[in-house]
C-alpha atoms as a PDB file:
ATOM      1  CA  MET A   1       0.000   0.000   0.000  1.00  0.00           C
ATOM      2  CA  TYR A   2       1.424   3.287  -1.089  1.00  0.00           C
ATOM      3  CA  ILE A   3       0.876   7.002  -0.730  1.00  0.00           C
ATOM      4  CA  LYS A   4       2.199   9.921  -2.735  1.00  0.00           C
ATOM      5  CA  ILE A   5       2.998  13.233  -1.133  1.00  0.00           C
ATOM      6  CA  THR A   6       1.580  16.017  -3.298  1.00  0.00           C
ATOM      7  CA  ASN A   7       1.887  19.606  -2.076  1.00  0.00           C
ATOM      8  CA  GLY A   8       2.686  18.244   1.373  1.00  0.00           C
ATOM      9  CA  ALA A   9      -0.489  16.134   1.567  1.00  0.00           C
ATOM     10  CA  PRO A  10      -0.410  12.312   1.425  1.00  0.00           C
ATOM     11  CA  GLU A  11      -2.931  10.523  -0.801  1.00  0.00           C
ATOM     12  CA  ASN A  12      -3.504   6.895  -1.787  1.00  0.00           C
ATOM     13  CA  TYR A  13      -1.368   5.904  -4.727  1.00  0.00           C
ATOM     14  CA  THR A  14      -0.536   2.753  -6.671  1.00  0.00           C
ATOM     15  CA  ILE A  15       2.507   1.517  -8.551  1.00  0.00           C
ATOM     16  CA  GLY A  16       0.284   1.468 -11.654  1.00  0.00           C
ATOM     17  CA  GLN A  17      -0.364   5.193 -11.194  1.00  0.00           C
ATOM     18  CA  LEU A  18       3.376   5.793 -10.780  1.00  0.00           C
ATOM     19  CA  ARG A  19       4.071   4.014 -14.088  1.00  0.00           C
ATOM     20  CA  ARG A  20       1.253   5.924 -15.868  1.00  0.00           C
ATOM     21  CA  ASP A  21       2.378   9.257 -14.413  1.00  0.00           C
ATOM     22  CA  ASN A  22       5.932   8.614 -15.630  1.00  0.00           C
ATOM     23  CA  PRO A  23       5.606   6.993 -19.073  1.00  0.00           C
ATOM     24  CA  ASN A  24       9.177   7.836 -20.089  1.00  0.00           C
ATOM     25  CA  THR A  25      10.707   6.152 -17.043  1.00  0.00           C
ATOM     26  CA  SER A  26      11.685   2.494 -17.067  1.00  0.00           C
ATOM     27  CA  PHE A  27      10.991   0.995 -13.648  1.00  0.00           C
ATOM     28  CA  PRO A  28      12.179  -2.421 -12.530  1.00  0.00           C
ATOM     29  CA  LYS A  29       9.491  -5.038 -11.821  1.00  0.00           C
ATOM     30  CA  SER A  30      10.038  -4.610  -8.086  1.00  0.00           C
ATOM     31  CA  ILE A  31      10.785  -0.969  -7.364  1.00  0.00           C
ATOM     32  CA  PRO A  32      13.146  -0.348  -4.424  1.00  0.00           C
ATOM     33  CA  TYR A  33      12.000   2.071  -1.722  1.00  0.00           C
ATOM     34  CA  SER A  34      14.871   4.421  -2.501  1.00  0.00           C
ATOM     35  CA  ILE A  35      13.536   4.913  -6.055  1.00  0.00           C
ATOM     36  CA  LEU A  36       9.925   5.304  -4.848  1.00  0.00           C
ATOM     37  CA  GLU A  37      11.000   8.031  -2.434  1.00  0.00           C
ATOM     38  CA  THR A  38      12.565  10.061  -5.255  1.00  0.00           C
ATOM     39  CA  PHE A  39       9.059  10.218  -6.782  1.00  0.00           C
ATOM     40  CA  GLY A  40       7.448  11.171  -3.455  1.00  0.00           C
ATOM     41  CA  VAL A  41       5.927   7.687  -3.068  1.00  0.00           C
ATOM     42  CA  TYR A  42       6.046   5.880   0.287  1.00  0.00           C
ATOM     43  CA  THR A  43       4.682   2.709   1.797  1.00  0.00           C
ATOM     44  CA  TYR A  44       2.289   2.916   4.710  1.00  0.00           C
ATOM     45  CA  THR A  45       0.852   0.622   7.343  1.00  0.00           C
ATOM     46  CA  GLN A  46      -2.838   0.535   8.115  1.00  0.00           C
ATOM     47  CA  GLU A  47      -3.665   0.863  11.792  1.00  0.00           C
ATOM     48  CA  SER A  48      -5.789  -2.011  13.126  1.00  0.00           C
ATOM     49  CA  GLN A  49      -9.470  -1.239  12.882  1.00  0.00           C
ATOM     50  CA  PRO A  50     -10.726  -0.422  16.393  1.00  0.00           C
ATOM     51  CA  SER A  51     -13.898  -1.992  17.709  1.00  0.00           C
ATOM     52  CA  ILE A  52     -16.903   0.290  18.023  1.00  0.00           C
ATOM     53  CA  ASP A  53     -20.466   0.249  19.268  1.00  0.00           C
ATOM     54  CA  GLU A  54     -22.175  -0.106  15.874  1.00  0.00           C
ATOM     55  CA  LYS A  55     -25.368   1.367  17.225  1.00  0.00           C
ATOM     56  CA  THR A  56     -23.972   4.685  18.427  1.00  0.00           C
ATOM     57  CA  GLN A  57     -20.595   5.077  16.733  1.00  0.00           C
ATOM     58  CA  LYS A  58     -19.136   5.061  13.248  1.00  0.00           C
ATOM     59  CA  LEU A  59     -15.644   4.479  11.976  1.00  0.00           C
ATOM     60  CA  GLU A  60     -14.126   6.975   9.560  1.00  0.00           C
ATOM     61  CA  ASP A  61     -10.850   7.255   7.709  1.00  0.00           C
ATOM     62  CA  GLY A  62      -8.491   9.227   9.934  1.00  0.00           C
ATOM     63  CA  GLY A  63      -6.002  10.008   7.198  1.00  0.00           C
ATOM     64  CA  PHE A  64      -2.264   9.528   7.194  1.00  0.00           C
ATOM     65  CA  VAL A  65       0.211  10.426   9.935  1.00  0.00           C
ATOM     66  CA  GLN A  66       3.921   9.902  10.337  1.00  0.00           C
ATOM     67  CA  ASP A  67       5.264   8.206  13.432  1.00  0.00           C
ATOM     68  CA  GLU A  68       8.414   9.296  15.292  1.00  0.00           C
ATOM     69  CA  ASN A  69      10.546   7.198  12.906  1.00  0.00           C
ATOM     70  CA  GLY A  70       9.116   8.835   9.791  1.00  0.00           C
ATOM     71  CA  ASN A  71       6.983   5.818   8.844  1.00  0.00           C
ATOM     72  CA  TRP A  72       3.529   6.524   7.429  1.00  0.00           C
ATOM     73  CA  LEU A  73       0.440   5.138   9.144  1.00  0.00           C
ATOM     74  CA  LYS A  74      -3.200   5.233   8.027  1.00  0.00           C
ATOM     75  CA  THR A  75      -5.436   5.891  11.036  1.00  0.00           C
ATOM     76  CA  TRP A  76      -9.108   5.659  12.025  1.00  0.00           C
ATOM     77  CA  ASN A  77     -11.435   8.125  13.746  1.00  0.00           C
ATOM     78  CA  ILE A  78     -14.373   7.063  15.885  1.00  0.00           C
ATOM     79  CA  THR A  79     -17.278   9.510  15.888  1.00  0.00           C
ATOM     80  CA  GLU A  80     -20.723   9.456  17.428  1.00  0.00           C
ATOM     81  CA  LYS A  81     -23.633   8.877  15.075  1.00  0.00           C
ATOM     82  CA  THR A  82     -26.061  11.710  14.501  1.00  0.00           C
ATOM     83  CA  PRO A  83     -29.693  11.197  15.586  1.00  0.00           C
ATOM     84  CA  GLU A  84     -30.573  10.615  11.920  1.00  0.00           C
ATOM     85  CA  GLU A  85     -27.856   7.965  11.514  1.00  0.00           C
ATOM     86  CA  LEU A  86     -28.982   6.298  14.732  1.00  0.00           C
ATOM     87  CA  ALA A  87     -32.584   6.196  13.448  1.00  0.00           C
ATOM     88  CA  GLU A  88     -31.354   4.683  10.161  1.00  0.00           C
ATOM     89  CA  TRP A  89     -29.370   2.035  12.062  1.00  0.00           C
ATOM     90  CA  ILE A  90     -32.407   1.095  14.169  1.00  0.00           C
ATOM     91  CA  GLU A  91     -34.635   0.897  11.086  1.00  0.00           C
ATOM     92  CA  SER A  92     -32.061  -1.266   9.300  1.00  0.00           C
ATOM     93  CA  LYS A  93     -31.812  -3.572  12.333  1.00  0.00           C
ATOM     94  CA  LYS A  94     -35.618  -3.857  12.461  1.00  0.00           C
ATOM     95  CA  GLN A  95     -35.682  -4.796   8.781  1.00  0.00           C
ATOM     96  CA  GLN A  96     -32.991  -7.460   9.307  1.00  0.00           C
ATOM     97  CA  VAL A  97     -34.975  -9.057  12.138  1.00  0.00           C
ATOM     98  CA  ARG A  98     -38.227  -8.924  10.147  1.00  0.00           C
ATOM     99  CA  SER A  99     -36.521 -10.527   7.135  1.00  0.00           C
ATOM    100  CA  GLN A 100     -35.160 -13.335   9.297  1.00  0.00           C
ATOM    101  CA  ARG A 101     -38.593 -13.808  10.883  1.00  0.00           C
ATOM    102  CA  ASP A 102     -40.337 -13.870   7.492  1.00  0.00           C
ATOM    103  CA  MET A 103     -37.883 -16.467   6.203  1.00  0.00           C
ATOM    104  CA  LEU A 104     -38.458 -18.700   9.252  1.00  0.00           C
ATOM    105  CA  ILE A 105     -42.239 -18.420   8.886  1.00  0.00           C
ATOM    106  CA  SER A 106     -42.030 -19.215   5.168  1.00  0.00           C
ATOM    107  CA  GLN A 107     -40.127 -22.407   5.980  1.00  0.00           C
ATOM    108  CA  THR A 108     -43.260 -23.675   7.776  1.00  0.00           C
ATOM    109  CA  ASP A 109     -45.900 -22.328   5.384  1.00  0.00           C
ATOM    110  CA  TYR A 110     -46.379 -25.731   3.771  1.00  0.00           C
ATOM    111  CA  LEU A 111     -47.587 -27.016   7.141  1.00  0.00           C
ATOM    112  CA  ALA A 112     -50.333 -24.389   7.274  1.00  0.00           C
ATOM    113  CA  LEU A 113     -52.003 -25.316   3.990  1.00  0.00           C
ATOM    114  CA  SER A 114     -55.745 -25.877   4.066  1.00  0.00           C
ATOM    115  CA  ASP A 115     -55.396 -29.677   3.835  1.00  0.00           C
ATOM    116  CA  ASN A 116     -53.031 -29.789   6.852  1.00  0.00           C
ATOM    117  CA  THR A 117     -53.766 -29.314  10.508  1.00  0.00           C
ATOM    118  CA  LEU A 118     -51.077 -27.442  12.394  1.00  0.00           C
ATOM    119  CA  SER A 119     -49.869 -29.003  15.601  1.00  0.00           C
ATOM    120  CA  THR A 120     -50.282 -26.885  18.712  1.00  0.00           C
ATOM    121  CA  GLU A 121     -46.480 -26.587  18.982  1.00  0.00           C
ATOM    122  CA  MET A 122     -46.092 -25.437  15.369  1.00  0.00           C
ATOM    123  CA  SER A 123     -48.939 -22.975  15.718  1.00  0.00           C
ATOM    124  CA  ALA A 124     -47.316 -21.552  18.880  1.00  0.00           C
ATOM    125  CA  TYR A 125     -43.937 -21.359  17.090  1.00  0.00           C
ATOM    126  CA  ARG A 126     -45.394 -19.436  14.156  1.00  0.00           C
ATOM    127  CA  GLN A 127     -47.231 -17.078  16.523  1.00  0.00           C
ATOM    128  CA  ALA A 128     -44.022 -16.498  18.520  1.00  0.00           C
ATOM    129  CA  LEU A 129     -42.279 -15.564  15.273  1.00  0.00           C
ATOM    130  CA  ARG A 130     -45.043 -13.106  14.392  1.00  0.00           C
ATOM    131  CA  ASP A 131     -44.726 -11.614  17.902  1.00  0.00           C
ATOM    132  CA  ILE A 132     -40.952 -10.985  17.588  1.00  0.00           C
ATOM    133  CA  THR A 133     -41.512  -7.278  16.913  1.00  0.00           C
ATOM    134  CA  THR A 134     -43.389  -6.842  20.190  1.00  0.00           C
ATOM    135  CA  GLN A 135     -40.597  -8.291  22.336  1.00  0.00           C
ATOM    136  CA  GLU A 136     -38.931  -5.962  24.779  1.00  0.00           C
ATOM    137  CA  GLY A 137     -35.532  -5.030  23.362  1.00  0.00           C
ATOM    138  CA  PHE A 138     -36.610  -5.382  19.712  1.00  0.00           C
ATOM    139  CA  PRO A 139     -34.720  -4.992  17.406  1.00  0.00           C
ATOM    140  CA  GLU A 140     -31.408  -5.136  19.277  1.00  0.00           C
ATOM    141  CA  SER A 141     -32.138  -8.063  21.552  1.00  0.00           C
ATOM    142  CA  VAL A 142     -34.395 -10.736  20.124  1.00  0.00           C
ATOM    143  CA  SER A 143     -35.166 -14.109  21.676  1.00  0.00           C
ATOM    144  CA  TRP A 144     -35.862 -16.474  18.798  1.00  0.00           C
ATOM    145  CA  PRO A 145     -38.311 -19.340  19.437  1.00  0.00           C
ATOM    146  CA  THR A 146     -37.173 -22.912  18.853  1.00  0.00           C
ATOM    147  CA  LYS A 147     -38.763 -24.695  15.918  1.00  0.00           C
ATOM    148  CA  PRO A 148     -40.613 -27.826  17.037  1.00  0.00           C
ATOM    149  CA  GLU A 149     -39.692 -31.165  15.485  1.00  0.00           C
END
């Protein structure tokens, strides 16, 4: 992974871009760091992605910084979600749970055809699935019912 320093600002860069930007220069297959540096191109290390609370936080590109040894590092920033982003996250989570519920119900639909009689256990299971959205903690904490045999 490479960056190029342009007007003092680092930006993502590739060896392919270096070759295209310098069509009259013959580069070896593996370009030594000393040659890359003459073109303002440097390698960088990506900082490990920190863990976040996906509900309330978001992870953003923190840009590039140099450490005390002059090595480049790509960093992360953790920011709090806006009320709108939080509402979108909750709505997305609700939709995920509903989709899972709908899929589980559809897997038992054949048992509820007019020429079949649902067992009490299966009827209770299907009702518990339909009631998922009324559980306390929905959509973040859902207790899924166990499908009867």
